[in-house]
Amino acid sequence: MLAQDTVFARPDRTARAVYERELGPARAEKVPLGSLGLLAEADLDKPAGQLSVGQRRRLALALLVARPPRLLLLDEPTNHLSPVLCDELEEALGSGPGVIVVASHDRWLRRRWEGRRLHLER
């Protein structure tokens, strides 16, 4: 699940250390954080707590991308992402390996979404 607010248990660990700890050394080596293009090389060794909201979100997204799930729950996935990264995310979701559930107020994302839709109203 990609939660709307991204908080890491150990904000003192670097982005690279969080990534390796969450995935395990073998998976982190197979899919290096720097290879995903979600964080700048200079930010990989910054403590997660010092990353911007958008950078923490991209680190959380990297953890999901490196270990593709069968069910992906995305709560406002485009929040704090640049327009270019939003486009790349949409493209990547189109070829996802399993079921994807997206909750979003992003009109651009909803308009372009090609998957099945379920609209919930109060």
PDB file of N, CA and C in Angstrom:
ATOM      1  N   MET A   1       0.843  -1.182   0.000  1.00  0.00           N
ATOM      2  CA  MET A   1       0.000   0.000   0.000  1.00  0.00           C
ATOM      3  C   MET A   1       0.886   1.242   0.000  1.00  0.00           C
ATOM      4  N   LEU A   2       0.548   2.184  -0.831  1.00  0.00           N
ATOM      5  CA  LEU A   2       1.205   3.491  -0.823  1.00  0.00           C
ATOM      6  C   LEU A   2       0.262   4.436  -0.092  1.00  0.00           C
ATOM      7  N   ALA A   3       0.580   4.701   1.167  1.00  0.00           N
ATOM      8  CA  ALA A   3      -0.267   5.561   1.990  1.00  0.00           C
ATOM      9  C   ALA A   3      -0.144   7.015   1.547  1.00  0.00           C
ATOM     10  N   GLN A   4      -1.134   7.807   1.892  1.00  0.00           N
ATOM     11  CA  GLN A   4      -1.125   9.219   1.509  1.00  0.00           C
ATOM     12  C   GLN A   4       0.012   9.968   2.201  1.00  0.00           C
ATOM     13  N   ASP A   5       0.275   9.646   3.459  1.00  0.00           N
ATOM     14  CA  ASP A   5       1.371  10.275   4.195  1.00  0.00           C
ATOM     15  C   ASP A   5       2.466   9.238   4.405  1.00  0.00           C
ATOM     16  N   THR A   6       3.685   9.600   4.031  1.00  0.00           N
ATOM     17  CA  THR A   6       4.805   8.665   4.117  1.00  0.00           C
ATOM     18  C   THR A   6       5.665   8.974   5.331  1.00  0.00           C
ATOM     19  N   VAL A   7       5.730   8.021   6.253  1.00  0.00           N
ATOM     20  CA  VAL A   7       6.543   8.154   7.453  1.00  0.00           C
ATOM     21  C   VAL A   7       7.338   6.861   7.596  1.00  0.00           C
ATOM     22  N   PHE A   8       8.635   6.996   7.843  1.00  0.00           N
ATOM     23  CA  PHE A   8       9.486   5.826   8.036  1.00  0.00           C
ATOM     24  C   PHE A   8       9.807   5.674   9.516  1.00  0.00           C
ATOM     25  N   ALA A   9       9.839   4.429   9.976  1.00  0.00           N
ATOM     26  CA  ALA A   9      10.061   4.140  11.400  1.00  0.00           C
ATOM     27  C   ALA A   9      11.386   4.688  11.902  1.00  0.00           C
ATOM     28  N   ARG A  10      12.401   4.675  11.065  1.00  0.00           N
ATOM     29  CA  ARG A  10      13.732   5.155  11.470  1.00  0.00           C
ATOM     30  C   ARG A  10      14.159   6.307  10.545  1.00  0.00           C
ATOM     31  N   PRO A  11      13.702   7.528  10.830  1.00  0.00           N
ATOM     32  CA  PRO A  11      14.032   8.669   9.974  1.00  0.00           C
ATOM     33  C   PRO A  11      15.519   9.012   9.969  1.00  0.00           C
ATOM     34  N   ASP A  12      16.296   8.431  10.900  1.00  0.00           N
ATOM     35  CA  ASP A  12      17.738   8.690  10.943  1.00  0.00           C
ATOM     36  C   ASP A  12      18.500   7.844   9.915  1.00  0.00           C
ATOM     37  N   ARG A  13      17.871   6.801   9.397  1.00  0.00           N
ATOM     38  CA  ARG A  13      18.526   5.965   8.378  1.00  0.00           C
ATOM     39  C   ARG A  13      18.484   6.663   7.026  1.00  0.00           C
ATOM     40  N   THR A  14      19.516   6.452   6.227  1.00  0.00           N
ATOM     41  CA  THR A  14      19.548   7.048   4.893  1.00  0.00           C
ATOM     42  C   THR A  14      18.498   6.383   4.012  1.00  0.00           C
ATOM     43  N   ALA A  15      18.153   7.066   2.926  1.00  0.00           N
ATOM     44  CA  ALA A  15      17.195   6.510   1.970  1.00  0.00           C
ATOM     45  C   ALA A  15      17.684   5.145   1.492  1.00  0.00           C
ATOM     46  N   ARG A  16      18.965   5.050   1.188  1.00  0.00           N
ATOM     47  CA  ARG A  16      19.543   3.791   0.719  1.00  0.00           C
ATOM     48  C   ARG A  16      19.418   2.700   1.790  1.00  0.00           C
ATOM     49  N   ALA A  17      19.675   3.043   3.060  1.00  0.00           N
ATOM     50  CA  ALA A  17      19.592   2.081   4.159  1.00  0.00           C
ATOM     51  C   ALA A  17      18.145   1.640   4.406  1.00  0.00           C
ATOM     52  N   VAL A  18      17.199   2.575   4.309  1.00  0.00           N
ATOM     53  CA  VAL A  18      15.776   2.236   4.462  1.00  0.00           C
ATOM     54  C   VAL A  18      15.383   1.244   3.373  1.00  0.00           C
ATOM     55  N   TYR A  19      15.790   1.538   2.159  1.00  0.00           N
ATOM     56  CA  TYR A  19      15.476   0.703   1.001  1.00  0.00           C
ATOM     57  C   TYR A  19      16.041  -0.711   1.188  1.00  0.00           C
ATOM     58  N   GLU A  20      17.304  -0.801   1.559  1.00  0.00           N
ATOM     59  CA  GLU A  20      17.943  -2.107   1.737  1.00  0.00           C
ATOM     60  C   GLU A  20      17.315  -2.870   2.908  1.00  0.00           C
ATOM     61  N   ARG A  21      17.028  -2.170   3.973  1.00  0.00           N
ATOM     62  CA  ARG A  21      16.448  -2.818   5.159  1.00  0.00           C
ATOM     63  C   ARG A  21      15.061  -3.382   4.850  1.00  0.00           C
ATOM     64  N   GLU A  22      14.253  -2.595   4.130  1.00  0.00           N
ATOM     65  CA  GLU A  22      12.884  -3.024   3.797  1.00  0.00           C
ATOM     66  C   GLU A  22      12.862  -4.182   2.802  1.00  0.00           C
ATOM     67  N   LEU A  23      13.743  -4.129   1.807  1.00  0.00           N
ATOM     68  CA  LEU A  23      13.742  -5.149   0.759  1.00  0.00           C
ATOM     69  C   LEU A  23      14.597  -6.361   1.074  1.00  0.00           C
ATOM     70  N   GLY A  24      15.618  -6.144   1.885  1.00  0.00           N
ATOM     71  CA  GLY A  24      16.618  -7.178   2.102  1.00  0.00           C
ATOM     72  C   GLY A  24      17.774  -6.940   1.139  1.00  0.00           C
ATOM     73  N   PRO A  25      18.989  -7.295   1.543  1.00  0.00           N
ATOM     74  CA  PRO A  25      20.170  -6.989   0.730  1.00  0.00           C
ATOM     75  C   PRO A  25      20.136  -7.583  -0.676  1.00  0.00           C
ATOM     76  N   ALA A  26      19.653  -8.808  -0.829  1.00  0.00           N
ATOM     77  CA  ALA A  26      19.657  -9.452  -2.150  1.00  0.00           C
ATOM     78  C   ALA A  26      18.749  -8.716  -3.129  1.00  0.00           C
ATOM     79  N   ARG A  27      17.522  -8.375  -2.703  1.00  0.00           N
ATOM     80  CA  ARG A  27      16.588  -7.681  -3.595  1.00  0.00           C
ATOM     81  C   ARG A  27      17.061  -6.256  -3.868  1.00  0.00           C
ATOM     82  N   ALA A  28      17.613  -5.592  -2.850  1.00  0.00           N
ATOM     83  CA  ALA A  28      18.114  -4.227  -3.031  1.00  0.00           C
ATOM     84  C   ALA A  28      19.282  -4.205  -4.014  1.00  0.00           C
ATOM     85  N   GLU A  29      20.076  -5.254  -4.013  1.00  0.00           N
ATOM     86  CA  GLU A  29      21.194  -5.337  -4.962  1.00  0.00           C
ATOM     87  C   GLU A  29      20.677  -5.634  -6.369  1.00  0.00           C
ATOM     88  N   LYS A  30      19.649  -6.467  -6.464  1.00  0.00           N
ATOM     89  CA  LYS A  30      19.082  -6.819  -7.771  1.00  0.00           C
ATOM     90  C   LYS A  30      18.382  -5.625  -8.422  1.00  0.00           C
ATOM     91  N   VAL A  31      17.712  -4.822  -7.606  1.00  0.00           N
ATOM     92  CA  VAL A  31      17.002  -3.629  -8.087  1.00  0.00           C
ATOM     93  C   VAL A  31      17.526  -2.440  -7.283  1.00  0.00           C
ATOM     94  N   PRO A  32      18.686  -1.872  -7.670  1.00  0.00           N
ATOM     95  CA  PRO A  32      19.269  -0.764  -6.904  1.00  0.00           C
ATOM     96  C   PRO A  32      18.360   0.471  -6.891  1.00  0.00           C
ATOM     97  N   LEU A  33      18.292   1.111  -5.753  1.00  0.00           N
ATOM     98  CA  LEU A  33      17.463   2.304  -5.601  1.00  0.00           C
ATOM     99  C   LEU A  33      17.797   3.361  -6.651  1.00  0.00           C
ATOM    100  N   GLY A  34      19.067   3.581  -6.891  1.00  0.00           N
ATOM    101  CA  GLY A  34      19.479   4.592  -7.865  1.00  0.00           C
ATOM    102  C   GLY A  34      19.049   4.276  -9.292  1.00  0.00           C
ATOM    103  N   SER A  35      18.795   3.011  -9.585  1.00  0.00           N
ATOM    104  CA  SER A  35      18.428   2.617 -10.954  1.00  0.00           C
ATOM    105  C   SER A  35      16.974   2.939 -11.291  1.00  0.00           C
ATOM    106  N   LEU A  36      16.164   3.239 -10.294  1.00  0.00           N
ATOM    107  CA  LEU A  36      14.736   3.468 -10.512  1.00  0.00           C
ATOM    108  C   LEU A  36      14.432   4.886 -10.987  1.00  0.00           C
ATOM    109  N   GLY A  37      15.366   5.802 -10.786  1.00  0.00           N
ATOM    110  CA  GLY A  37      15.160   7.177 -11.238  1.00  0.00           C
ATOM    111  C   GLY A  37      14.171   7.970 -10.400  1.00  0.00           C
ATOM    112  N   LEU A  38      13.859   7.495  -9.214  1.00  0.00           N
ATOM    113  CA  LEU A  38      12.894   8.200  -8.367  1.00  0.00           C
ATOM    114  C   LEU A  38      13.543   9.203  -7.435  1.00  0.00           C
ATOM    115  N   LEU A  39      14.798   8.976  -7.075  1.00  0.00           N
ATOM    116  CA  LEU A  39      15.543   9.905  -6.218  1.00  0.00           C
ATOM    117  C   LEU A  39      16.853  10.264  -6.895  1.00  0.00           C
ATOM    118  N   ALA A  40      17.283  11.502  -6.705  1.00  0.00           N
ATOM    119  CA  ALA A  40      18.575  11.944  -7.233  1.00  0.00           C
ATOM    120  C   ALA A  40      19.688  11.218  -6.484  1.00  0.00           C
ATOM    121  N   GLU A  41      20.786  10.971  -7.148  1.00  0.00           N
ATOM    122  CA  GLU A  41      21.931  10.280  -6.545  1.00  0.00           C
ATOM    123  C   GLU A  41      22.369  10.962  -5.256  1.00  0.00           C
ATOM    124  N   ALA A  42      22.325  12.278  -5.211  1.00  0.00           N
ATOM    125  CA  ALA A  42      22.756  13.032  -4.025  1.00  0.00           C
ATOM    126  C   ALA A  42      21.834  12.802  -2.828  1.00  0.00           C
ATOM    127  N   ASP A  43      20.608  12.355  -3.070  1.00  0.00           N
ATOM    128  CA  ASP A  43      19.645  12.164  -1.982  1.00  0.00           C
ATOM    129  C   ASP A  43      19.645  10.746  -1.412  1.00  0.00           C
ATOM    130  N   LEU A  44      20.321   9.829  -2.048  1.00  0.00           N
ATOM    131  CA  LEU A  44      20.310   8.433  -1.611  1.00  0.00           C
ATOM    132  C   LEU A  44      20.944   8.244  -0.233  1.00  0.00           C
ATOM    133  N   ASP A  45      21.901   9.103   0.107  1.00  0.00           N
ATOM    134  CA  ASP A  45      22.584   8.965   1.390  1.00  0.00           C
ATOM    135  C   ASP A  45      22.151  10.007   2.418  1.00  0.00           C
ATOM    136  N   LYS A  46      21.043  10.685   2.161  1.00  0.00           N
ATOM    137  CA  LYS A  46      20.449  11.604   3.137  1.00  0.00           C
ATOM    138  C   LYS A  46      19.556  10.801   4.074  1.00  0.00           C
ATOM    139  N   PRO A  47      19.496  11.195   5.348  1.00  0.00           N
ATOM    140  CA  PRO A  47      18.550  10.535   6.252  1.00  0.00           C
ATOM    141  C   PRO A  47      17.119  10.719   5.734  1.00  0.00           C
ATOM    142  N   ALA A  48      16.318   9.680   5.833  1.00  0.00           N
ATOM    143  CA  ALA A  48      14.943   9.729   5.333  1.00  0.00           C
ATOM    144  C   ALA A  48      14.160  10.886   5.951  1.00  0.00           C
ATOM    145  N   GLY A  49      14.440  11.198   7.207  1.00  0.00           N
ATOM    146  CA  GLY A  49      13.757  12.300   7.879  1.00  0.00           C
ATOM    147  C   GLY A  49      14.105  13.671   7.332  1.00  0.00           C
ATOM    148  N   GLN A  50      15.198  13.777   6.595  1.00  0.00           N
ATOM    149  CA  GLN A  50      15.602  15.056   6.003  1.00  0.00           C
ATOM    150  C   GLN A  50      15.145  15.194   4.550  1.00  0.00           C
ATOM    151  N   LEU A  51      14.532  14.151   4.007  1.00  0.00           N
ATOM    152  CA  LEU A  51      14.020  14.231   2.646  1.00  0.00           C
ATOM    153  C   LEU A  51      12.733  15.052   2.635  1.00  0.00           C
ATOM    154  N   SER A  52      12.447  15.685   1.513  1.00  0.00           N
ATOM    155  CA  SER A  52      11.198  16.438   1.390  1.00  0.00           C
ATOM    156  C   SER A  52      10.027  15.448   1.383  1.00  0.00           C
ATOM    157  N   VAL A  53       8.822  15.962   1.505  1.00  0.00           N
ATOM    158  CA  VAL A  53       7.626  15.123   1.476  1.00  0.00           C
ATOM    159  C   VAL A  53       7.582  14.338   0.162  1.00  0.00           C
ATOM    160  N   GLY A  54       7.870  15.015  -0.934  1.00  0.00           N
ATOM    161  CA  GLY A  54       7.859  14.353  -2.241  1.00  0.00           C
ATOM    162  C   GLY A  54       8.934  13.289  -2.364  1.00  0.00           C
ATOM    163  N   GLN A  55      10.117  13.558  -1.819  1.00  0.00           N
ATOM    164  CA  GLN A  55      11.197  12.571  -1.868  1.00  0.00           C
ATOM    165  C   GLN A  55      10.860  11.345  -1.025  1.00  0.00           C
ATOM    166  N   ARG A  56      10.255  11.548   0.133  1.00  0.00           N
ATOM    167  CA  ARG A  56       9.845  10.406   0.960  1.00  0.00           C
ATOM    168  C   ARG A  56       8.782   9.586   0.232  1.00  0.00           C
ATOM    169  N   ARG A  57       7.898  10.256  -0.442  1.00  0.00           N
ATOM    170  CA  ARG A  57       6.847   9.578  -1.224  1.00  0.00           C
ATOM    171  C   ARG A  57       7.482   8.743  -2.331  1.00  0.00           C
ATOM    172  N   ARG A  58       8.488   9.307  -2.997  1.00  0.00           N
ATOM    173  CA  ARG A  58       9.161   8.577  -4.076  1.00  0.00           C
ATOM    174  C   ARG A  58       9.946   7.388  -3.528  1.00  0.00           C
ATOM    175  N   LEU A  59      10.501   7.511  -2.318  1.00  0.00           N
ATOM    176  CA  LEU A  59      11.190   6.385  -1.692  1.00  0.00           C
ATOM    177  C   LEU A  59      10.183   5.263  -1.394  1.00  0.00           C
ATOM    178  N   ALA A  60       9.021   5.621  -0.888  1.00  0.00           N
ATOM    179  CA  ALA A  60       7.976   4.623  -0.628  1.00  0.00           C
ATOM    180  C   ALA A  60       7.531   3.963  -1.926  1.00  0.00           C
ATOM    181  N   LEU A  61       7.422   4.741  -2.976  1.00  0.00           N
ATOM    182  CA  LEU A  61       7.059   4.208  -4.286  1.00  0.00           C
ATOM    183  C   LEU A  61       8.142   3.262  -4.805  1.00  0.00           C
ATOM    184  N   ALA A  62       9.401   3.616  -4.582  1.00  0.00           N
ATOM    185  CA  ALA A  62      10.517   2.751  -4.993  1.00  0.00           C
ATOM    186  C   ALA A  62      10.426   1.392  -4.315  1.00  0.00           C
ATOM    187  N   LEU A  63      10.055   1.377  -3.049  1.00  0.00           N
ATOM    188  CA  LEU A  63       9.915   0.113  -2.326  1.00  0.00           C
ATOM    189  C   LEU A  63       8.830  -0.762  -2.952  1.00  0.00           C
ATOM    190  N   LEU A  64       7.765  -0.147  -3.433  1.00  0.00           N
ATOM    191  CA  LEU A  64       6.701  -0.911  -4.096  1.00  0.00           C
ATOM    192  C   LEU A  64       7.133  -1.399  -5.469  1.00  0.00           C
ATOM    193  N   VAL A  65       7.807  -0.548  -6.209  1.00  0.00           N
ATOM    194  CA  VAL A  65       8.242  -0.898  -7.564  1.00  0.00           C
ATOM    195  C   VAL A  65       9.276  -2.021  -7.538  1.00  0.00           C
ATOM    196  N   ALA A  66      10.140  -2.022  -6.556  1.00  0.00           N
ATOM    197  CA  ALA A  66      11.213  -3.019  -6.476  1.00  0.00           C
ATOM    198  C   ALA A  66      10.686  -4.404  -6.112  1.00  0.00           C
ATOM    199  N   ARG A  67       9.510  -4.457  -5.539  1.00  0.00           N
ATOM    200  CA  ARG A  67       8.919  -5.731  -5.111  1.00  0.00           C
ATOM    201  C   ARG A  67       7.448  -5.713  -5.545  1.00  0.00           C
ATOM    202  N   PRO A  68       7.188  -5.937  -6.840  1.00  0.00           N
ATOM    203  CA  PRO A  68       5.827  -5.790  -7.372  1.00  0.00           C
ATOM    204  C   PRO A  68       4.810  -6.665  -6.644  1.00  0.00           C
ATOM    205  N   PRO A  69       3.746  -6.053  -6.152  1.00  0.00           N
ATOM    206  CA  PRO A  69       2.721  -6.801  -5.420  1.00  0.00           C
ATOM    207  C   PRO A  69       1.637  -7.344  -6.355  1.00  0.00           C
ATOM    208  N   ARG A  70       0.835  -8.262  -5.841  1.00  0.00           N
ATOM    209  CA  ARG A  70      -0.319  -8.770  -6.597  1.00  0.00           C
ATOM    210  C   ARG A  70      -1.503  -7.825  -6.461  1.00  0.00           C
ATOM    211  N   LEU A  71      -1.533  -7.097  -5.347  1.00  0.00           N
ATOM    212  CA  LEU A  71      -2.579  -6.112  -5.094  1.00  0.00           C
ATOM    213  C   LEU A  71      -1.892  -4.830  -4.652  1.00  0.00           C
ATOM    214  N   LEU A  72      -2.154  -3.759  -5.360  1.00  0.00           N
ATOM    215  CA  LEU A  72      -1.529  -2.475  -5.068  1.00  0.00           C
ATOM    216  C   LEU A  72      -2.623  -1.476  -4.713  1.00  0.00           C
ATOM    217  N   LEU A  73      -2.573  -0.939  -3.487  1.00  0.00           N
ATOM    218  CA  LEU A  73      -3.527   0.056  -3.028  1.00  0.00           C
ATOM    219  C   LEU A  73      -2.834   1.407  -3.023  1.00  0.00           C
ATOM    220  N   LEU A  74      -3.353   2.349  -3.795  1.00  0.00           N
ATOM    221  CA  LEU A  74      -2.732   3.668  -3.910  1.00  0.00           C
ATOM    222  C   LEU A  74      -3.714   4.742  -3.445  1.00  0.00           C
ATOM    223  N   ASP A  75      -3.341   5.445  -2.385  1.00  0.00           N
ATOM    224  CA  ASP A  75      -4.151   6.528  -1.848  1.00  0.00           C
ATOM    225  C   ASP A  75      -3.523   7.837  -2.291  1.00  0.00           C
ATOM    226  N   GLU A  76      -4.165   8.515  -3.227  1.00  0.00           N
ATOM    227  CA  GLU A  76      -3.663   9.776  -3.777  1.00  0.00           C
ATOM    228  C   GLU A  76      -2.209   9.626  -4.255  1.00  0.00           C
ATOM    229  N   PRO A  77      -1.949   8.725  -5.192  1.00  0.00           N
ATOM    230  CA  PRO A  77      -0.567   8.433  -5.588  1.00  0.00           C
ATOM    231  C   PRO A  77       0.176   9.586  -6.252  1.00  0.00           C
ATOM    232  N   THR A  78      -0.545  10.542  -6.810  1.00  0.00           N
ATOM    233  CA  THR A  78       0.141  11.628  -7.511  1.00  0.00           C
ATOM    234  C   THR A  78       0.436  12.833  -6.628  1.00  0.00           C
ATOM    235  N   ASN A  79       0.000  12.801  -5.369  1.00  0.00           N
ATOM    236  CA  ASN A  79       0.327  13.902  -4.449  1.00  0.00           C
ATOM    237  C   ASN A  79       1.840  14.031  -4.302  1.00  0.00           C
ATOM    238  N   HIS A  80       2.344  15.235  -4.338  1.00  0.00           N
ATOM    239  CA  HIS A  80       3.752  15.559  -4.112  1.00  0.00           C
ATOM    240  C   HIS A  80       4.677  15.036  -5.208  1.00  0.00           C
ATOM    241  N   LEU A  81       4.128  14.692  -6.368  1.00  0.00           N
ATOM    242  CA  LEU A  81       4.969  14.243  -7.477  1.00  0.00           C
ATOM    243  C   LEU A  81       4.938  15.298  -8.573  1.00  0.00           C
ATOM    244  N   SER A  82       6.034  15.412  -9.301  1.00  0.00           N
ATOM    245  CA  SER A  82       6.089  16.342 -10.418  1.00  0.00           C
ATOM    246  C   SER A  82       5.183  15.832 -11.537  1.00  0.00           C
ATOM    247  N   PRO A  83       4.733  16.712 -12.437  1.00  0.00           N
ATOM    248  CA  PRO A  83       3.893  16.259 -13.553  1.00  0.00           C
ATOM    249  C   PRO A  83       4.554  15.161 -14.390  1.00  0.00           C
ATOM    250  N   VAL A  84       5.847  15.270 -14.598  1.00  0.00           N
ATOM    251  CA  VAL A  84       6.557  14.252 -15.381  1.00  0.00           C
ATOM    252  C   VAL A  84       6.518  12.909 -14.671  1.00  0.00           C
ATOM    253  N   LEU A  85       6.760  12.904 -13.371  1.00  0.00           N
ATOM    254  CA  LEU A  85       6.737  11.658 -12.608  1.00  0.00           C
ATOM    255  C   LEU A  85       5.314  11.088 -12.548  1.00  0.00           C
ATOM    256  N   CYS A  86       4.305  11.951 -12.505  1.00  0.00           N
ATOM    257  CA  CYS A  86       2.915  11.482 -12.541  1.00  0.00           C
ATOM    258  C   CYS A  86       2.648  10.728 -13.843  1.00  0.00           C
ATOM    259  N   ASP A  87       3.119  11.284 -14.958  1.00  0.00           N
ATOM    260  CA  ASP A  87       2.959  10.612 -16.253  1.00  0.00           C
ATOM    261  C   ASP A  87       3.656   9.265 -16.256  1.00  0.00           C
ATOM    262  N   GLU A  88       4.872   9.223 -15.705  1.00  0.00           N
ATOM    263  CA  GLU A  88       5.621   7.971 -15.661  1.00  0.00           C
ATOM    264  C   GLU A  88       4.927   6.947 -14.763  1.00  0.00           C
ATOM    265  N   LEU A  89       4.355   7.413 -13.661  1.00  0.00           N
ATOM    266  CA  LEU A  89       3.631   6.526 -12.759  1.00  0.00           C
ATOM    267  C   LEU A  89       2.417   5.935 -13.475  1.00  0.00           C
ATOM    268  N   GLU A  90       1.657   6.773 -14.165  1.00  0.00           N
ATOM    269  CA  GLU A  90       0.492   6.285 -14.900  1.00  0.00           C
ATOM    270  C   GLU A  90       0.890   5.224 -15.919  1.00  0.00           C
ATOM    271  N   GLU A  91       1.966   5.472 -16.616  1.00  0.00           N
ATOM    272  CA  GLU A  91       2.452   4.517 -17.622  1.00  0.00           C
ATOM    273  C   GLU A  91       2.851   3.196 -16.960  1.00  0.00           C
ATOM    274  N   ALA A  92       3.542   3.281 -15.848  1.00  0.00           N
ATOM    275  CA  ALA A  92       3.991   2.078 -15.141  1.00  0.00           C
ATOM    276  C   ALA A  92       2.802   1.286 -14.589  1.00  0.00           C
ATOM    277  N   LEU A  93       1.772   1.975 -14.119  1.00  0.00           N
ATOM    278  CA  LEU A  93       0.611   1.282 -13.566  1.00  0.00           C
ATOM    279  C   LEU A  93      -0.141   0.501 -14.630  1.00  0.00           C
ATOM    280  N   GLY A  94      -0.085   0.978 -15.847  1.00  0.00           N
ATOM    281  CA  GLY A  94      -0.769   0.294 -16.944  1.00  0.00           C
ATOM    282  C   GLY A  94      -0.257  -1.114 -17.166  1.00  0.00           C
ATOM    283  N   SER A  95       0.981  -1.376 -16.820  1.00  0.00           N
ATOM    284  CA  SER A  95       1.559  -2.706 -17.025  1.00  0.00           C
ATOM    285  C   SER A  95       1.784  -3.428 -15.702  1.00  0.00           C
ATOM    286  N   GLY A  96       1.063  -3.003 -14.662  1.00  0.00           N
ATOM    287  CA  GLY A  96       1.224  -3.616 -13.346  1.00  0.00           C
ATOM    288  C   GLY A  96       0.921  -5.103 -13.362  1.00  0.00           C
ATOM    289  N   PRO A  97       1.538  -5.846 -12.457  1.00  0.00           N
ATOM    290  CA  PRO A  97       1.402  -7.298 -12.460  1.00  0.00           C
ATOM    291  C   PRO A  97       0.119  -7.830 -11.839  1.00  0.00           C
ATOM    292  N   GLY A  98      -0.655  -6.983 -11.198  1.00  0.00           N
ATOM    293  CA  GLY A  98      -1.839  -7.485 -10.515  1.00  0.00           C
ATOM    294  C   GLY A  98      -2.942  -6.452 -10.471  1.00  0.00           C
ATOM    295  N   VAL A  99      -3.776  -6.544  -9.460  1.00  0.00           N
ATOM    296  CA  VAL A  99      -4.901  -5.641  -9.279  1.00  0.00           C
ATOM    297  C   VAL A  99      -4.402  -4.331  -8.679  1.00  0.00           C
ATOM    298  N   ILE A 100      -4.885  -3.221  -9.224  1.00  0.00           N
ATOM    299  CA  ILE A 100      -4.497  -1.902  -8.731  1.00  0.00           C
ATOM    300  C   ILE A 100      -5.764  -1.158  -8.326  1.00  0.00           C
ATOM    301  N   VAL A 101      -5.796  -0.689  -7.078  1.00  0.00           N
ATOM    302  CA  VAL A 101      -6.912   0.108  -6.583  1.00  0.00           C
ATOM    303  C   VAL A 101      -6.365   1.503  -6.316  1.00  0.00           C
ATOM    304  N   VAL A 102      -6.958   2.501  -6.975  1.00  0.00           N
ATOM    305  CA  VAL A 102      -6.486   3.882  -6.855  1.00  0.00           C
ATOM    306  C   VAL A 102      -7.605   4.750  -6.290  1.00  0.00           C
ATOM    307  N   ALA A 103      -7.299   5.481  -5.231  1.00  0.00           N
ATOM    308  CA  ALA A 103      -8.206   6.498  -4.697  1.00  0.00           C
ATOM    309  C   ALA A 103      -7.546   7.837  -5.005  1.00  0.00           C
ATOM    310  N   SER A 104      -8.226   8.681  -5.782  1.00  0.00           N
ATOM    311  CA  SER A 104      -7.583   9.929  -6.191  1.00  0.00           C
ATOM    312  C   SER A 104      -8.603  11.028  -6.469  1.00  0.00           C
ATOM    313  N   HIS A 105      -8.206  12.244  -6.097  1.00  0.00           N
ATOM    314  CA  HIS A 105      -8.956  13.438  -6.473  1.00  0.00           C
ATOM    315  C   HIS A 105      -8.336  14.080  -7.715  1.00  0.00           C
ATOM    316  N   ASP A 106      -7.253  13.527  -8.198  1.00  0.00           N
ATOM    317  CA  ASP A 106      -6.517  14.074  -9.335  1.00  0.00           C
ATOM    318  C   ASP A 106      -7.353  13.905 -10.610  1.00  0.00           C
ATOM    319  N   ARG A 107      -7.942  15.011 -11.073  1.00  0.00           N
ATOM    320  CA  ARG A 107      -8.803  14.950 -12.251  1.00  0.00           C
ATOM    321  C   ARG A 107      -8.065  14.466 -13.485  1.00  0.00           C
ATOM    322  N   TRP A 108      -6.805  14.861 -13.632  1.00  0.00           N
ATOM    323  CA  TRP A 108      -5.993  14.454 -14.780  1.00  0.00           C
ATOM    324  C   TRP A 108      -5.814  12.939 -14.777  1.00  0.00           C
ATOM    325  N   LEU A 109      -5.457  12.373 -13.634  1.00  0.00           N
ATOM    326  CA  LEU A 109      -5.283  10.923 -13.511  1.00  0.00           C
ATOM    327  C   LEU A 109      -6.603  10.202 -13.774  1.00  0.00           C
ATOM    328  N   ARG A 110      -7.676  10.682 -13.171  1.00  0.00           N
ATOM    329  CA  ARG A 110      -8.977  10.020 -13.355  1.00  0.00           C
ATOM    330  C   ARG A 110      -9.443  10.086 -14.795  1.00  0.00           C
ATOM    331  N   ARG A 111      -9.204  11.173 -15.476  1.00  0.00           N
ATOM    332  CA  ARG A 111      -9.623  11.332 -16.870  1.00  0.00           C
ATOM    333  C   ARG A 111      -8.850  10.381 -17.783  1.00  0.00           C
ATOM    334  N   ARG A 112      -7.572  10.185 -17.489  1.00  0.00           N
ATOM    335  CA  ARG A 112      -6.720   9.364 -18.351  1.00  0.00           C
ATOM    336  C   ARG A 112      -6.692   7.891 -17.968  1.00  0.00           C
ATOM    337  N   TRP A 113      -7.256   7.540 -16.815  1.00  0.00           N
ATOM    338  CA  TRP A 113      -7.211   6.156 -16.334  1.00  0.00           C
ATOM    339  C   TRP A 113      -7.921   5.240 -17.324  1.00  0.00           C
ATOM    340  N   GLU A 114      -7.256   4.173 -17.735  1.00  0.00           N
ATOM    341  CA  GLU A 114      -7.830   3.259 -18.725  1.00  0.00           C
ATOM    342  C   GLU A 114      -8.392   1.986 -18.104  1.00  0.00           C
ATOM    343  N   GLY A 115      -8.163   1.791 -16.809  1.00  0.00           N
ATOM    344  CA  GLY A 115      -8.674   0.595 -16.145  1.00  0.00           C
ATOM    345  C   GLY A 115     -10.149   0.724 -15.795  1.00  0.00           C
ATOM    346  N   ARG A 116     -10.683  -0.332 -15.214  1.00  0.00           N
ATOM    347  CA  ARG A 116     -12.067  -0.327 -14.767  1.00  0.00           C
ATOM    348  C   ARG A 116     -12.258   0.714 -13.677  1.00  0.00           C
ATOM    349  N   ARG A 117     -13.450   1.283 -13.582  1.00  0.00           N
ATOM    350  CA  ARG A 117     -13.724   2.347 -12.615  1.00  0.00           C
ATOM    351  C   ARG A 117     -14.890   1.980 -11.705  1.00  0.00           C
ATOM    352  N   LEU A 118     -14.777   2.420 -10.483  1.00  0.00           N
ATOM    353  CA  LEU A 118     -15.862   2.315  -9.528  1.00  0.00           C
ATOM    354  C   LEU A 118     -15.917   3.661  -8.820  1.00  0.00           C
ATOM    355  N   HIS A 119     -17.019   4.374  -8.975  1.00  0.00           N
ATOM    356  CA  HIS A 119     -17.164   5.692  -8.355  1.00  0.00           C
ATOM    357  C   HIS A 119     -17.956   5.537  -7.070  1.00  0.00           C
ATOM    358  N   LEU A 120     -17.428   6.028  -5.989  1.00  0.00           N
ATOM    359  CA  LEU A 120     -18.106   5.987  -4.695  1.00  0.00           C
ATOM    360  C   LEU A 120     -18.613   7.381  -4.355  1.00  0.00           C
ATOM    361  N   GLU A 121     -19.853   7.461  -3.943  1.00  0.00           N
ATOM    362  CA  GLU A 121     -20.440   8.738  -3.572  1.00  0.00           C
ATOM    363  C   GLU A 121     -21.097   8.608  -2.210  1.00  0.00           C
ATOM    364  N   ARG A 122     -21.203   9.736  -1.549  1.00  0.00           N
ATOM    365  CA  ARG A 122     -21.878   9.750  -0.232  1.00  0.00           C
ATOM    366  C   ARG A 122     -23.350   9.840  -0.409  1.00  0.00           C
TER     367      ARG A 122
END
